[in-house]
N, C-alpha and C. Protein backbone atom coordinates (compact mmCIF):
# COMPACT_ATOMS: atom_id res chain seq x y z
N MET A 1 -53.18 -15.48 -81.28
CA MET A 1 -51.60 -14.58 -79.55
C MET A 1 -52.02 -16.89 -78.77
N GLY A 2 -51.14 -16.69 -77.94
CA GLY A 2 -51.01 -17.39 -77.29
C GLY A 2 -52.19 -17.43 -75.81
N ARG A 3 -52.20 -18.43 -75.21
CA ARG A 3 -52.67 -18.07 -73.74
C ARG A 3 -52.23 -16.73 -73.43
N ALA A 4 -52.99 -16.36 -72.88
CA ALA A 4 -52.86 -15.38 -71.07
C ALA A 4 -52.06 -15.98 -69.86
N SER A 5 -50.85 -15.78 -69.46
CA SER A 5 -50.93 -16.73 -67.89
C SER A 5 -50.28 -15.23 -67.15
N LEU A 6 -50.52 -16.37 -66.15
CA LEU A 6 -50.31 -14.40 -65.04
C LEU A 6 -49.10 -16.47 -63.76
N THR A 7 -48.51 -15.67 -63.34
CA THR A 7 -47.46 -15.70 -62.80
C THR A 7 -47.33 -14.76 -61.55
N ILE A 8 -47.95 -15.60 -59.77
CA ILE A 8 -47.32 -14.84 -59.01
C ILE A 8 -46.62 -14.95 -57.47
N VAL A 9 -45.84 -14.80 -57.82
CA VAL A 9 -44.68 -14.24 -56.62
C VAL A 9 -44.75 -14.40 -55.25
N ASN A 10 -44.77 -14.50 -54.39
CA ASN A 10 -45.94 -14.64 -52.91
C ASN A 10 -44.33 -14.61 -52.41
N ARG A 11 -43.52 -13.46 -52.16
CA ARG A 11 -42.78 -13.35 -50.62
C ARG A 11 -42.50 -12.54 -49.12
N THR A 12 -44.38 -12.95 -49.28
CA THR A 12 -45.37 -12.08 -48.24
C THR A 12 -45.78 -13.07 -47.38
N HIS A 13 -45.85 -13.31 -46.03
CA HIS A 13 -47.09 -14.72 -45.55
C HIS A 13 -47.96 -14.58 -45.60
N TRP A 14 -48.53 -13.49 -45.72
CA TRP A 14 -49.82 -13.98 -47.06
C TRP A 14 -50.24 -15.32 -47.23
N ASN A 15 -51.85 -16.11 -47.82
CA ASN A 15 -52.06 -16.44 -48.41
C ASN A 15 -51.95 -16.78 -50.39
N THR A 16 -50.99 -17.49 -50.41
CA THR A 16 -50.62 -16.99 -52.00
C THR A 16 -52.60 -17.36 -52.53
N GLU A 17 -53.46 -18.21 -52.46
CA GLU A 17 -54.30 -18.27 -53.01
C GLU A 17 -55.30 -16.75 -53.58
N HIS A 18 -55.66 -16.12 -52.45
CA HIS A 18 -55.98 -15.34 -51.66
C HIS A 18 -56.31 -13.89 -52.69
N LEU A 19 -54.17 -14.27 -52.28
CA LEU A 19 -53.79 -12.78 -53.52
C LEU A 19 -53.78 -13.09 -54.64
N ARG A 20 -54.30 -14.08 -55.50
CA ARG A 20 -54.34 -14.57 -57.15
C ARG A 20 -55.82 -14.21 -57.08
N ALA A 21 -56.72 -14.41 -56.29
CA ALA A 21 -57.66 -13.65 -56.31
C ALA A 21 -57.76 -12.10 -56.60
N PHE A 22 -57.54 -11.76 -55.47
CA PHE A 22 -57.75 -9.98 -56.05
C PHE A 22 -56.62 -9.48 -57.50
N VAL A 23 -55.40 -10.90 -57.81
CA VAL A 23 -55.28 -10.12 -59.13
C VAL A 23 -56.03 -10.52 -59.83
N VAL A 24 -56.89 -11.67 -59.98
CA VAL A 24 -57.37 -11.93 -61.21
C VAL A 24 -58.88 -11.51 -60.89
N ALA A 25 -59.35 -11.54 -60.61
CA ALA A 25 -60.61 -9.95 -60.06
C ALA A 25 -60.31 -8.22 -60.67
N ALA A 26 -59.53 -8.24 -60.75
CA ALA A 26 -58.47 -6.48 -60.51
C ALA A 26 -58.29 -6.96 -62.54
N ARG A 27 -57.48 -7.61 -62.47
CA ARG A 27 -57.14 -7.93 -64.48
C ARG A 27 -58.28 -8.45 -64.79
N SER A 28 -59.79 -9.20 -65.31
CA SER A 28 -60.53 -9.29 -65.41
C SER A 28 -61.67 -7.73 -65.24
N GLU A 29 -61.72 -6.71 -64.41
CA GLU A 29 -61.16 -4.96 -64.27
C GLU A 29 -60.50 -4.41 -65.68
N VAL A 30 -60.21 -4.46 -65.37
CA VAL A 30 -59.77 -4.05 -66.86
C VAL A 30 -58.48 -4.39 -68.06
N PHE A 31 -58.38 -5.41 -67.59
CA PHE A 31 -57.69 -6.30 -69.31
C PHE A 31 -59.69 -7.07 -70.20
N GLY A 32 -59.87 -6.77 -69.18
CA GLY A 32 -62.05 -7.64 -69.92
C GLY A 32 -61.29 -8.72 -70.70
N GLU A 33 -61.89 -9.05 -71.88
CA GLU A 33 -61.46 -9.65 -72.82
C GLU A 33 -60.73 -9.82 -73.75
N HIS A 34 -59.62 -8.81 -73.62
CA HIS A 34 -58.62 -8.54 -74.05
C HIS A 34 -57.53 -9.03 -73.87
N ILE A 35 -57.28 -9.94 -72.23
CA ILE A 35 -56.16 -10.84 -72.36
C ILE A 35 -55.49 -11.05 -72.94
N GLN A 36 -55.68 -11.50 -74.20
CA GLN A 36 -54.87 -12.67 -75.27
C GLN A 36 -53.67 -13.09 -75.14
N GLY A 37 -53.15 -13.20 -74.59
CA GLY A 37 -50.70 -13.54 -75.12
C GLY A 37 -50.45 -12.70 -73.52
N LYS A 38 -51.57 -12.16 -72.74
CA LYS A 38 -50.65 -11.06 -72.68
C LYS A 38 -50.03 -12.18 -70.76
N LYS A 39 -48.64 -12.01 -70.50
CA LYS A 39 -48.36 -13.18 -69.37
C LYS A 39 -48.07 -11.80 -68.64
N LEU A 40 -48.39 -11.71 -67.16
CA LEU A 40 -48.67 -10.72 -66.02
C LEU A 40 -46.96 -11.73 -65.15
N LYS A 41 -46.86 -11.27 -63.93
CA LYS A 41 -45.65 -11.41 -63.42
C LYS A 41 -46.38 -10.21 -61.93
N VAL A 42 -47.19 -10.86 -60.63
CA VAL A 42 -47.38 -10.33 -60.03
C VAL A 42 -46.68 -10.41 -58.95
N THR A 43 -45.80 -10.37 -58.13
CA THR A 43 -44.94 -10.68 -57.64
C THR A 43 -45.22 -8.92 -55.85
N PHE A 44 -45.93 -10.20 -55.02
CA PHE A 44 -45.29 -9.46 -53.68
C PHE A 44 -44.93 -9.27 -52.88
N ILE A 45 -43.65 -8.07 -51.98
CA ILE A 45 -43.74 -8.24 -51.33
C ILE A 45 -43.88 -7.55 -50.46
N THR A 46 -43.39 -7.48 -48.75
CA THR A 46 -43.90 -7.04 -47.49
C THR A 46 -43.21 -5.73 -47.60
N SER A 47 -43.94 -4.74 -47.72
CA SER A 47 -43.72 -3.37 -46.49
C SER A 47 -42.85 -2.89 -45.32
N ARG A 48 -43.19 -2.14 -45.90
CA ARG A 48 -42.02 -1.80 -44.32
C ARG A 48 -42.53 -0.41 -43.57
N ARG A 49 -43.55 0.11 -44.63
CA ARG A 49 -44.69 1.32 -44.33
C ARG A 49 -46.25 0.69 -44.18
N GLN A 50 -47.20 1.61 -43.48
CA GLN A 50 -48.16 1.05 -43.42
C GLN A 50 -48.41 0.90 -44.73
N GLY A 51 -50.11 0.67 -45.20
CA GLY A 51 -50.71 1.04 -46.74
C GLY A 51 -49.85 0.05 -47.51
N VAL A 52 -50.66 0.36 -48.64
CA VAL A 52 -50.46 -0.58 -49.32
C VAL A 52 -49.72 0.44 -51.38
N SER A 53 -48.66 0.06 -51.87
CA SER A 53 -48.18 0.03 -52.68
C SER A 53 -47.80 -0.11 -53.60
N GLY A 54 -47.57 0.06 -55.07
CA GLY A 54 -46.88 -0.46 -55.90
C GLY A 54 -45.62 0.30 -56.85
N LEU A 55 -45.96 -1.29 -57.98
CA LEU A 55 -45.04 -0.27 -59.06
C LEU A 55 -44.58 -1.15 -60.35
N ALA A 56 -45.07 -1.21 -61.48
CA ALA A 56 -45.33 -1.81 -62.80
C ALA A 56 -44.61 -1.05 -64.32
N SER A 57 -44.50 -1.77 -65.37
CA SER A 57 -43.83 -1.96 -66.60
C SER A 57 -45.04 -1.10 -66.87
N VAL A 58 -44.99 -0.14 -67.67
CA VAL A 58 -45.90 0.82 -69.16
C VAL A 58 -45.60 -0.18 -70.25
N GLY A 59 -46.61 -1.26 -70.80
CA GLY A 59 -46.30 -2.15 -71.45
C GLY A 59 -45.96 -3.50 -71.75
N GLY A 60 -45.64 -3.59 -70.48
CA GLY A 60 -45.16 -4.95 -69.94
C GLY A 60 -45.80 -6.17 -69.28
N GLY A 61 -44.82 -6.42 -68.63
CA GLY A 61 -46.08 -8.11 -67.94
C GLY A 61 -45.63 -7.72 -66.43
N TRP A 62 -44.55 -7.39 -66.14
CA TRP A 62 -44.60 -7.50 -64.83
C TRP A 62 -44.97 -6.56 -63.87
N SER A 63 -45.88 -6.20 -62.30
CA SER A 63 -45.97 -5.15 -61.29
C SER A 63 -45.04 -6.17 -60.00
N ARG A 64 -45.05 -5.21 -59.22
CA ARG A 64 -44.45 -5.43 -57.92
C ARG A 64 -45.05 -4.90 -56.51
N ILE A 65 -46.46 -5.17 -55.75
CA ILE A 65 -46.93 -4.79 -55.48
C ILE A 65 -46.49 -5.05 -53.38
N ARG A 66 -45.95 -3.69 -53.27
CA ARG A 66 -45.59 -3.65 -51.60
C ARG A 66 -46.68 -3.59 -50.14
N ILE A 67 -46.84 -4.63 -49.84
CA ILE A 67 -48.23 -4.87 -48.99
C ILE A 67 -47.91 -5.55 -47.49
N PRO A 68 -48.38 -4.73 -46.15
CA PRO A 68 -47.36 -4.11 -45.17
C PRO A 68 -48.05 -6.30 -44.08
N LYS A 69 -47.41 -5.95 -42.98
CA LYS A 69 -47.58 -7.30 -42.57
C LYS A 69 -48.84 -7.21 -42.08
N GLN A 70 -49.57 -6.00 -41.59
CA GLN A 70 -50.74 -6.59 -40.55
C GLN A 70 -51.29 -5.58 -41.54
N ASN A 71 -53.05 -5.80 -40.81
CA ASN A 71 -54.03 -4.73 -41.46
C ASN A 71 -54.35 -4.26 -42.77
N ILE A 72 -54.38 -5.60 -44.10
CA ILE A 72 -54.83 -4.44 -44.48
C ILE A 72 -55.62 -4.06 -45.40
N ASP A 73 -55.77 -3.53 -46.49
CA ASP A 73 -57.40 -2.26 -46.52
C ASP A 73 -57.14 -3.32 -47.64
N LYS A 74 -58.31 -3.85 -48.25
CA LYS A 74 -58.88 -4.90 -49.62
C LYS A 74 -58.82 -4.00 -50.64
N ARG A 75 -60.01 -2.80 -50.02
CA ARG A 75 -60.31 -1.97 -51.68
C ARG A 75 -59.12 -1.62 -51.67
N SER A 76 -58.29 -0.88 -50.67
CA SER A 76 -56.48 -0.19 -50.96
C SER A 76 -56.11 -1.42 -52.22
N LEU A 77 -56.08 -2.13 -51.40
CA LEU A 77 -54.60 -3.64 -52.29
C LEU A 77 -55.64 -3.77 -53.16
N ALA A 78 -56.96 -3.68 -53.82
CA ALA A 78 -57.59 -4.31 -55.14
C ALA A 78 -57.72 -2.39 -56.06
N GLN A 79 -57.27 -1.18 -55.64
CA GLN A 79 -56.78 -0.06 -56.61
C GLN A 79 -55.78 0.04 -56.75
N ILE A 80 -55.14 -0.51 -55.90
CA ILE A 80 -53.25 -0.23 -56.15
C ILE A 80 -53.46 -1.86 -57.48
N LEU A 81 -53.85 -3.25 -57.02
CA LEU A 81 -53.48 -3.48 -58.45
C LEU A 81 -54.69 -3.69 -59.88
N LYS A 82 -55.43 -2.99 -59.66
CA LYS A 82 -55.73 -1.96 -60.77
C LYS A 82 -55.38 -0.49 -61.80
N HIS A 83 -54.79 -0.29 -61.15
CA HIS A 83 -53.51 0.91 -61.01
C HIS A 83 -52.12 -0.15 -62.13
N GLU A 84 -51.55 -0.56 -61.25
CA GLU A 84 -50.38 -1.41 -61.81
C GLU A 84 -50.50 -2.24 -63.05
N LEU A 85 -52.10 -3.27 -63.36
CA LEU A 85 -52.16 -3.00 -64.11
C LEU A 85 -52.22 -3.22 -65.06
N SER A 86 -53.14 -1.02 -65.06
CA SER A 86 -54.06 -0.67 -65.97
C SER A 86 -52.30 0.11 -66.59
N HIS A 87 -50.83 0.12 -65.52
CA HIS A 87 -49.39 0.44 -66.34
C HIS A 87 -49.27 -0.64 -67.67
N ASN A 88 -49.45 -2.26 -66.58
CA ASN A 88 -49.03 -3.40 -67.83
C ASN A 88 -50.37 -2.56 -68.29
N ALA A 89 -51.08 -2.66 -68.93
CA ALA A 89 -52.51 -2.71 -70.18
C ALA A 89 -51.92 -1.18 -71.25
N GLY A 90 -51.10 -0.76 -70.55
CA GLY A 90 -50.31 0.29 -71.54
C GLY A 90 -50.91 1.62 -70.68
N ALA A 91 -51.17 2.73 -70.19
CA ALA A 91 -51.71 2.81 -69.00
C ALA A 91 -50.22 3.52 -69.35
N CYS A 92 -50.15 5.21 -69.68
CA CYS A 92 -48.66 5.96 -68.01
C CYS A 92 -49.09 7.48 -67.96
N GLY A 93 -50.35 7.68 -68.57
CA GLY A 93 -50.73 8.80 -67.67
C GLY A 93 -50.90 8.97 -66.01
N GLU A 94 -50.03 8.89 -65.69
CA GLU A 94 -49.41 9.22 -64.05
C GLU A 94 -50.52 10.37 -63.19
N ARG A 95 -50.81 11.24 -63.97
CA ARG A 95 -51.07 12.67 -63.10
C ARG A 95 -53.45 12.29 -63.45
N TRP A 96 -53.90 11.70 -64.64
CA TRP A 96 -54.57 11.44 -64.40
C TRP A 96 -55.83 9.73 -64.24
N MET A 97 -54.34 9.31 -63.66
CA MET A 97 -54.83 8.18 -63.58
C MET A 97 -54.93 7.78 -61.56
N ARG A 98 -54.21 8.32 -60.75
CA ARG A 98 -54.08 9.14 -59.92
C ARG A 98 -56.06 9.98 -59.52
N ARG A 99 -56.04 10.92 -60.30
CA ARG A 99 -56.95 11.42 -60.64
C ARG A 99 -59.16 11.00 -60.38
N SER A 100 -57.89 9.51 -61.78
CA SER A 100 -59.23 9.14 -62.22
C SER A 100 -60.75 7.73 -60.50
N LYS A 101 -61.81 7.79 -61.42
CA LYS A 101 -62.58 6.83 -60.09
C LYS A 101 -62.19 6.22 -60.37
N ASN A 102 -62.02 4.90 -61.32
CA ASN A 102 -61.49 3.86 -61.60
C ASN A 102 -59.77 3.43 -61.31
N LEU A 103 -59.43 3.94 -61.71
CA LEU A 103 -58.19 3.43 -60.71
C LEU A 103 -56.40 4.80 -60.43
N GLY A 104 -57.51 5.17 -59.60
CA GLY A 104 -56.45 5.87 -58.22
C GLY A 104 -57.02 6.40 -56.26
N PHE A 105 -56.90 7.42 -56.62
CA PHE A 105 -57.30 7.41 -55.08
C PHE A 105 -57.37 9.29 -54.63
N ARG A 106 -57.50 9.81 -55.69
CA ARG A 106 -57.31 11.76 -55.46
C ARG A 106 -59.24 12.00 -55.82
N HIS A 107 -59.55 10.51 -56.46
CA HIS A 107 -61.60 10.50 -56.56
C HIS A 107 -61.50 10.56 -55.08
N PRO A 108 -63.18 11.27 -54.94
CA PRO A 108 -63.37 11.02 -53.66
C PRO A 108 -64.19 10.28 -53.24
N GLU A 109 -65.10 9.10 -55.02
CA GLU A 109 -65.46 8.08 -55.00
C GLU A 109 -65.07 7.24 -55.56
N TRP A 110 -63.94 6.99 -54.73
CA TRP A 110 -62.31 5.82 -56.01
C TRP A 110 -63.10 4.45 -54.75
N ARG A 111 -63.39 4.60 -53.87
CA ARG A 111 -63.80 3.36 -52.72
C ARG A 111 -64.68 2.97 -53.87
N GLU A 112 -65.74 3.74 -54.18
CA GLU A 112 -67.04 2.53 -54.77
C GLU A 112 -67.20 1.98 -55.58
N THR A 113 -65.30 2.49 -56.31
CA THR A 113 -64.89 1.41 -57.76
C THR A 113 -64.77 -0.32 -57.23
N VAL A 114 -63.53 -0.40 -56.28
CA VAL A 114 -63.28 -2.01 -55.77
C VAL A 114 -64.18 -2.01 -55.00
N GLU A 115 -65.69 -1.91 -54.01
CA GLU A 115 -66.56 -3.07 -53.29
C GLU A 115 -66.20 -4.09 -53.60
N TRP A 116 -66.20 -4.96 -54.38
CA TRP A 116 -66.27 -6.39 -55.04
C TRP A 116 -64.92 -7.11 -53.78
N ALA A 117 -64.31 -6.35 -53.07
CA ALA A 117 -63.27 -6.60 -52.24
C ALA A 117 -63.53 -6.70 -51.00
N ASP A 118 -64.56 -6.05 -50.46
CA ASP A 118 -64.70 -7.26 -49.77
C ASP A 118 -65.15 -8.24 -49.26
N GLY A 119 -66.03 -8.22 -50.19
CA GLY A 119 -66.47 -9.79 -49.79
C GLY A 119 -65.63 -11.12 -49.84
N MET A 120 -64.06 -10.83 -50.74
CA MET A 120 -63.46 -11.67 -50.95
C MET A 120 -62.72 -12.23 -49.24
N PRO A 121 -62.03 -13.16 -49.50
CA PRO A 121 -60.53 -13.70 -48.07
C PRO A 121 -59.46 -13.25 -48.26
N LEU A 122 -58.91 -12.66 -47.12
CA LEU A 122 -57.09 -12.24 -46.88
C LEU A 122 -57.27 -13.04 -45.70
N ASP A 123 -56.18 -14.25 -46.21
CA ASP A 123 -55.54 -14.69 -44.56
C ASP A 123 -54.64 -14.79 -45.20
N LEU A 124 -53.56 -15.13 -43.67
CA LEU A 124 -52.60 -15.00 -43.69
C LEU A 124 -51.63 -16.82 -43.83
N LYS A 125 -50.74 -17.15 -44.39
CA LYS A 125 -50.96 -18.50 -44.98
C LYS A 125 -50.65 -19.59 -43.87
N PRO A 126 -50.82 -20.93 -43.06
CA PRO A 126 -50.99 -21.25 -42.70
C PRO A 126 -49.55 -21.38 -42.10
N ALA A 127 -49.19 -21.74 -40.44
CA ALA A 127 -48.59 -21.57 -39.85
C ALA A 127 -47.25 -22.86 -40.61
N GLU A 128 -45.98 -22.48 -40.25
CA GLU A 128 -45.36 -23.99 -41.04
C GLU A 128 -45.62 -24.67 -39.82
N PRO A 129 -45.29 -25.95 -39.54
CA PRO A 129 -45.21 -27.08 -38.20
C PRO A 129 -43.18 -26.75 -37.56
N LYS A 130 -43.46 -26.65 -36.90
CA LYS A 130 -41.67 -26.52 -36.21
C LYS A 130 -41.07 -27.63 -36.02
N LEU A 131 -39.86 -28.11 -37.00
CA LEU A 131 -39.32 -29.04 -36.84
C LEU A 131 -38.31 -29.66 -35.16
N SER A 132 -38.13 -30.66 -35.52
CA SER A 132 -37.66 -30.99 -33.96
C SER A 132 -35.83 -31.37 -33.91
N LYS A 133 -35.82 -31.23 -32.98
CA LYS A 133 -34.14 -31.65 -33.26
C LYS A 133 -33.21 -32.53 -34.30
N VAL A 134 -34.41 -33.56 -34.33
CA VAL A 134 -34.01 -34.77 -35.01
C VAL A 134 -33.59 -34.41 -36.24
N GLU A 135 -35.14 -33.70 -37.09
CA GLU A 135 -35.00 -32.78 -37.69
C GLU A 135 -34.13 -32.17 -38.94
N LYS A 136 -33.84 -31.24 -37.50
CA LYS A 136 -33.43 -30.44 -38.07
C LYS A 136 -31.92 -30.90 -38.34
N LEU A 137 -31.61 -31.62 -37.77
CA LEU A 137 -30.07 -32.37 -37.55
C LEU A 137 -30.76 -32.85 -38.25
N GLU A 138 -31.01 -33.86 -39.58
CA GLU A 138 -30.82 -34.47 -40.43
C GLU A 138 -30.82 -33.04 -41.95
N ARG A 139 -31.43 -32.24 -41.93
CA ARG A 139 -32.01 -31.46 -42.52
C ARG A 139 -30.18 -30.80 -42.26
N LEU A 140 -29.30 -29.87 -41.80
CA LEU A 140 -28.16 -30.15 -41.50
C LEU A 140 -27.59 -31.21 -42.16
N LEU A 141 -27.57 -32.58 -41.60
CA LEU A 141 -26.25 -33.43 -42.74
C LEU A 141 -26.08 -33.72 -43.51
N ALA A 142 -28.17 -33.70 -44.45
CA ALA A 142 -28.11 -33.93 -45.58
C ALA A 142 -27.62 -32.95 -46.80
N HIS A 143 -27.63 -31.37 -45.83
CA HIS A 143 -26.94 -29.88 -47.11
C HIS A 143 -25.46 -30.45 -46.94
N ALA A 144 -24.99 -30.91 -45.34
CA ALA A 144 -23.24 -30.82 -45.02
C ALA A 144 -23.15 -32.65 -45.69
N GLU A 145 -23.54 -33.07 -46.81
CA GLU A 145 -23.16 -33.85 -46.92
C GLU A 145 -22.77 -33.82 -48.27
N ALA A 146 -23.80 -33.02 -49.10
CA ALA A 146 -24.44 -32.78 -50.30
C ALA A 146 -22.87 -31.71 -50.74
N GLY A 147 -22.53 -30.12 -49.50
CA GLY A 147 -21.54 -29.34 -49.56
C GLY A 147 -20.82 -30.27 -50.35
N GLU A 148 -19.98 -31.66 -48.82
CA GLU A 148 -18.72 -32.76 -49.27
C GLU A 148 -19.11 -32.98 -51.29
N ARG A 149 -20.25 -33.48 -51.20
CA ARG A 149 -20.03 -34.40 -51.98
C ARG A 149 -19.77 -33.65 -53.57
N ALA A 150 -19.94 -32.20 -53.37
CA ALA A 150 -18.97 -30.55 -54.34
C ALA A 150 -18.48 -30.80 -54.32
N TRP A 151 -17.61 -30.75 -52.67
CA TRP A 151 -15.86 -30.34 -53.05
C TRP A 151 -15.19 -32.25 -53.38
N ARG A 152 -15.84 -33.13 -53.28
CA ARG A 152 -14.73 -33.98 -54.12
C ARG A 152 -14.47 -33.59 -55.02
N THR A 153 -16.24 -33.93 -56.05
CA THR A 153 -16.45 -33.68 -57.27
C THR A 153 -15.24 -31.99 -57.92
N ARG A 154 -14.70 -30.95 -57.18
CA ARG A 154 -14.33 -30.01 -57.88
C ARG A 154 -12.84 -30.68 -57.26
N ALA A 155 -12.51 -31.19 -56.51
CA ALA A 155 -11.50 -31.91 -55.51
C ALA A 155 -10.57 -33.49 -57.12
N LYS A 156 -11.87 -33.50 -57.90
CA LYS A 156 -10.62 -34.97 -59.00
C LYS A 156 -11.62 -34.15 -59.72
N ARG A 157 -11.66 -33.79 -60.36
CA ARG A 157 -10.88 -31.97 -61.89
C ARG A 157 -10.23 -31.90 -61.29
N ALA A 158 -10.01 -31.41 -60.49
CA ALA A 158 -9.07 -30.59 -60.77
C ALA A 158 -7.79 -31.46 -60.85
N ALA A 159 -7.30 -32.27 -59.68
CA ALA A 159 -6.61 -33.39 -59.61
C ALA A 159 -6.13 -33.57 -61.65
N THR A 160 -7.04 -34.30 -62.47
CA THR A 160 -7.56 -34.18 -63.61
C THR A 160 -6.34 -33.73 -64.10
N GLY A 161 -6.94 -32.15 -64.59
CA GLY A 161 -6.57 -30.82 -64.21
C GLY A 161 -4.39 -30.86 -64.03
N LEU A 162 -4.86 -30.57 -62.81
CA LEU A 162 -3.05 -30.90 -62.82
C LEU A 162 -2.54 -31.81 -63.51
N ARG A 163 -2.95 -32.95 -63.33
CA ARG A 163 -2.29 -34.08 -64.25
C ARG A 163 -2.16 -33.87 -66.27
N ALA A 164 -3.07 -33.64 -66.70
CA ALA A 164 -3.34 -32.71 -67.71
C ALA A 164 -1.80 -32.04 -67.97
N TRP A 165 -2.19 -30.16 -66.50
CA TRP A 165 -0.92 -29.43 -67.51
C TRP A 165 0.52 -30.09 -67.01
N SER A 166 0.70 -31.44 -66.01
CA SER A 166 2.18 -31.69 -65.82
C SER A 166 2.52 -32.62 -67.07
N GLN A 167 1.16 -33.14 -67.29
CA GLN A 167 1.22 -33.88 -68.83
C GLN A 167 2.00 -33.06 -70.20
N ARG A 168 1.72 -32.01 -70.22
CA ARG A 168 2.18 -31.07 -71.09
C ARG A 168 3.26 -29.99 -70.72
N VAL A 169 3.74 -30.02 -69.70
CA VAL A 169 5.21 -29.33 -69.16
C VAL A 169 6.37 -30.20 -70.20
N LYS A 170 5.46 -31.28 -69.56
CA LYS A 170 6.39 -33.00 -69.80
C LYS A 170 6.64 -32.93 -71.12
N ARG A 171 5.80 -32.93 -71.74
CA ARG A 171 6.32 -32.39 -73.64
C ARG A 171 7.01 -31.35 -73.90
N ILE A 172 6.34 -30.53 -73.86
CA ILE A 172 7.66 -29.07 -73.40
C ILE A 172 8.73 -29.42 -73.74
N GLN A 173 9.21 -29.91 -72.05
CA GLN A 173 10.53 -29.71 -71.78
C GLN A 173 11.28 -30.80 -71.96
N LYS A 174 10.33 -31.99 -73.26
CA LYS A 174 11.30 -33.30 -73.91
C LYS A 174 11.47 -32.79 -75.19
N ARG A 175 10.29 -31.69 -75.98
CA ARG A 175 11.21 -30.71 -77.38
C ARG A 175 12.24 -29.95 -76.95
N MET A 176 11.89 -29.31 -76.11
CA MET A 176 12.49 -28.10 -75.80
C MET A 176 14.01 -28.38 -75.81
N ALA A 177 14.78 -30.07 -74.98
CA ALA A 177 15.27 -30.86 -74.76
C ALA A 177 16.21 -31.29 -76.15
N ALA A 178 14.75 -32.33 -76.85
CA ALA A 178 15.79 -31.74 -78.23
C ALA A 178 15.82 -30.99 -79.42
N ALA A 179 15.77 -29.80 -79.76
CA ALA A 179 15.49 -28.68 -80.06
C ALA A 179 16.88 -28.65 -79.86
N LEU A 180 16.94 -28.05 -78.30
CA LEU A 180 18.14 -28.13 -77.86
C LEU A 180 19.60 -28.91 -78.28
N ALA A 181 19.51 -30.57 -78.20
CA ALA A 181 20.35 -31.02 -78.13
C ALA A 181 20.27 -31.17 -79.98
N GLU A 182 19.27 -30.99 -81.27
CA GLU A 182 19.55 -30.72 -82.90
C GLU A 182 20.89 -29.30 -82.85
N THR A 183 20.26 -28.46 -82.07
CA THR A 183 20.90 -27.69 -82.35
C THR A 183 22.61 -27.19 -82.36
N PRO A 184 23.58 -26.53 -83.03
CA PRO A 184 25.02 -26.27 -82.88
C PRO A 184 25.79 -25.86 -81.70
N GLY A 185 25.51 -26.22 -80.69
CA GLY A 185 27.29 -25.33 -79.75
C GLY A 185 26.25 -26.01 -78.40
N GLY A 186 25.09 -26.95 -78.29
CA GLY A 186 23.72 -27.23 -77.52
C GLY A 186 23.96 -26.18 -76.05
N ALA A 187 23.06 -25.94 -75.44
CA ALA A 187 22.49 -25.21 -74.52
C ALA A 187 23.27 -23.96 -74.17
N GLN A 188 22.26 -23.29 -74.15
CA GLN A 188 22.93 -21.80 -73.82
C GLN A 188 22.95 -21.61 -72.04
């Protein structure tokens, strides 16, 4: 089997490397040494609600984790990651998983299984520097020039296509005139 790969897609304002560290830690707990060849893609999106939730394919390679804009409970994030990665590993019994100490939230001692999450950093992405007015205009100009180039290319292709079809019409008209001339009685 090939190497295991892990793809993190971060559509939130949390630091991607910090989220990756959470996924790697949870993956090592779920898969252990049996990760050979497993390709995982974990997508983080912003949740409209408070709290962390998730969705994953059973036996597949994708997971989607919804995290709030602020005030993330690190242990809940770690537990949800373990739960969803377990689905990726093939676990499909949602009822027993939710009651389980290692993978669920209904067991009274579930927080103890993810104590490691407390020591991990989880910060916001650094703010992007604000663009000056000139930089904004430069970006707009580059975008407009690219659009102009694309439309010029389309116009050239359209002109070439029109020329080809016009020539084809002329050839057919010549053949039609020749065929009519050969027919006794001429044009009808």
